[in-house]
């Protein structure tokens, strides 16, 4: 199971197809960021957990950016 939603895009896709392909990854990011904002201030993330969160967000944003640029 992937922690991010993989985006499959190629140059032959229409704009509508690309938008459909990135729809769920964007929803995934929105929910992920919402969950982070709901965390209590006294909840502690260690360095590895924080790095994993940032890497997950970065990976998903890079995939969305690449899909839109195609």
C-alpha atoms as a PDB file:
ATOM      1  CA  UNK A   1       0.000   0.000   0.000  1.00  0.00           C
ATOM      2  CA  UNK A   2       1.306   3.435  -0.934  1.00  0.00           C
ATOM      3  CA  UNK A   3       1.206   6.350   1.466  1.00  0.00           C
ATOM      4  CA  UNK A   4       0.547   8.656  -1.468  1.00  0.00           C
ATOM      5  CA  UNK A   5      -1.706   8.391  -4.443  1.00  0.00           C
ATOM      6  CA  UNK A   6       0.300   7.708  -7.581  1.00  0.00           C
ATOM      7  CA  UNK A   7      -0.368   9.895 -10.595  1.00  0.00           C
ATOM      8  CA  UNK A   8      -0.242   8.428 -14.073  1.00  0.00           C
ATOM      9  CA  UNK A   9       0.004  11.046 -16.780  1.00  0.00           C
ATOM     10  CA  UNK A  10       1.428  11.250 -20.250  1.00  0.00           C
ATOM     11  CA  UNK A  11       1.638  13.776 -23.058  1.00  0.00           C
ATOM     12  CA  UNK A  12      -1.368  12.367 -24.921  1.00  0.00           C
ATOM     13  CA  UNK A  13      -3.785  13.155 -22.079  1.00  0.00           C
ATOM     14  CA  UNK A  14      -6.322  15.939 -22.375  1.00  0.00           C
ATOM     15  CA  UNK A  15      -6.526  18.669 -19.749  1.00  0.00           C
ATOM     16  CA  UNK A  16      -9.699  17.057 -18.423  1.00  0.00           C
ATOM     17  CA  UNK A  17      -7.968  13.698 -18.039  1.00  0.00           C
ATOM     18  CA  UNK A  18      -5.053  15.297 -16.185  1.00  0.00           C
ATOM     19  CA  UNK A  19      -7.426  17.147 -13.851  1.00  0.00           C
ATOM     20  CA  UNK A  20      -9.235  13.891 -13.127  1.00  0.00           C
ATOM     21  CA  UNK A  21      -5.908  12.163 -12.468  1.00  0.00           C
ATOM     22  CA  UNK A  22      -4.814  14.759  -9.886  1.00  0.00           C
ATOM     23  CA  UNK A  23      -8.214  15.084  -8.224  1.00  0.00           C
ATOM     24  CA  UNK A  24      -7.670  12.404  -5.578  1.00  0.00           C
ATOM     25  CA  UNK A  25      -4.062  13.341  -4.791  1.00  0.00           C
ATOM     26  CA  UNK A  26      -5.211  16.912  -4.114  1.00  0.00           C
ATOM     27  CA  UNK A  27      -8.025  15.647  -1.896  1.00  0.00           C
ATOM     28  CA  UNK A  28      -5.480  13.409  -0.163  1.00  0.00           C
ATOM     29  CA  UNK A  29      -3.238  16.415   0.545  1.00  0.00           C
ATOM     30  CA  UNK A  30      -6.166  18.488   1.798  1.00  0.00           C
ATOM     31  CA  UNK A  31      -7.197  15.758   4.235  1.00  0.00           C
ATOM     32  CA  UNK A  32      -3.617  15.222   5.314  1.00  0.00           C
ATOM     33  CA  UNK A  33      -3.081  18.916   6.036  1.00  0.00           C
ATOM     34  CA  UNK A  34      -6.442  19.105   7.805  1.00  0.00           C
ATOM     35  CA  UNK A  35      -5.404  16.222  10.049  1.00  0.00           C
ATOM     36  CA  UNK A  36      -2.147  17.995  10.866  1.00  0.00           C
ATOM     37  CA  UNK A  37      -3.983  21.155  11.884  1.00  0.00           C
ATOM     38  CA  UNK A  38      -6.287  19.106  14.122  1.00  0.00           C
ATOM     39  CA  UNK A  39      -3.361  17.683  16.067  1.00  0.00           C
ATOM     40  CA  UNK A  40      -3.118  18.960  19.609  1.00  0.00           C
ATOM     41  CA  UNK A  41      -0.240  21.226  20.474  1.00  0.00           C
ATOM     42  CA  UNK A  42       0.943  18.830  23.176  1.00  0.00           C
ATOM     43  CA  UNK A  43       1.138  15.903  20.729  1.00  0.00           C
ATOM     44  CA  UNK A  44       4.772  15.313  19.948  1.00  0.00           C
ATOM     45  CA  UNK A  45       6.225  14.149  16.659  1.00  0.00           C
ATOM     46  CA  UNK A  46       9.741  12.824  16.712  1.00  0.00           C
ATOM     47  CA  UNK A  47      12.188  13.847  13.994  1.00  0.00           C
ATOM     48  CA  UNK A  48      11.546  10.729  11.890  1.00  0.00           C
ATOM     49  CA  UNK A  49       7.760  11.198  11.975  1.00  0.00           C
ATOM     50  CA  UNK A  50       8.046  14.869  11.066  1.00  0.00           C
ATOM     51  CA  UNK A  51      10.446  14.083   8.217  1.00  0.00           C
ATOM     52  CA  UNK A  52       8.093  11.370   6.917  1.00  0.00           C
ATOM     53  CA  UNK A  53       5.191  13.839   6.888  1.00  0.00           C
ATOM     54  CA  UNK A  54       7.185  16.483   5.022  1.00  0.00           C
ATOM     55  CA  UNK A  55       8.520  13.916   2.539  1.00  0.00           C
ATOM     56  CA  UNK A  56       5.006  12.616   1.879  1.00  0.00           C
ATOM     57  CA  UNK A  57       3.669  16.102   1.225  1.00  0.00           C
ATOM     58  CA  UNK A  58       6.652  16.944  -0.989  1.00  0.00           C
ATOM     59  CA  UNK A  59       6.337  13.725  -3.010  1.00  0.00           C
ATOM     60  CA  UNK A  60       2.647  14.290  -3.666  1.00  0.00           C
ATOM     61  CA  UNK A  61       3.142  17.956  -4.650  1.00  0.00           C
ATOM     62  CA  UNK A  62       5.964  17.008  -7.039  1.00  0.00           C
ATOM     63  CA  UNK A  63       3.734  14.383  -8.680  1.00  0.00           C
ATOM     64  CA  UNK A  64       0.890  16.873  -9.092  1.00  0.00           C
ATOM     65  CA  UNK A  65       3.270  19.470 -10.543  1.00  0.00           C
ATOM     66  CA  UNK A  66       4.691  16.968 -13.033  1.00  0.00           C
ATOM     67  CA  UNK A  67       1.216  15.844 -14.100  1.00  0.00           C
ATOM     68  CA  UNK A  68       0.114  19.406 -14.728  1.00  0.00           C
ATOM     69  CA  UNK A  69       3.261  20.260 -16.714  1.00  0.00           C
ATOM     70  CA  UNK A  70       2.833  17.336 -19.144  1.00  0.00           C
END
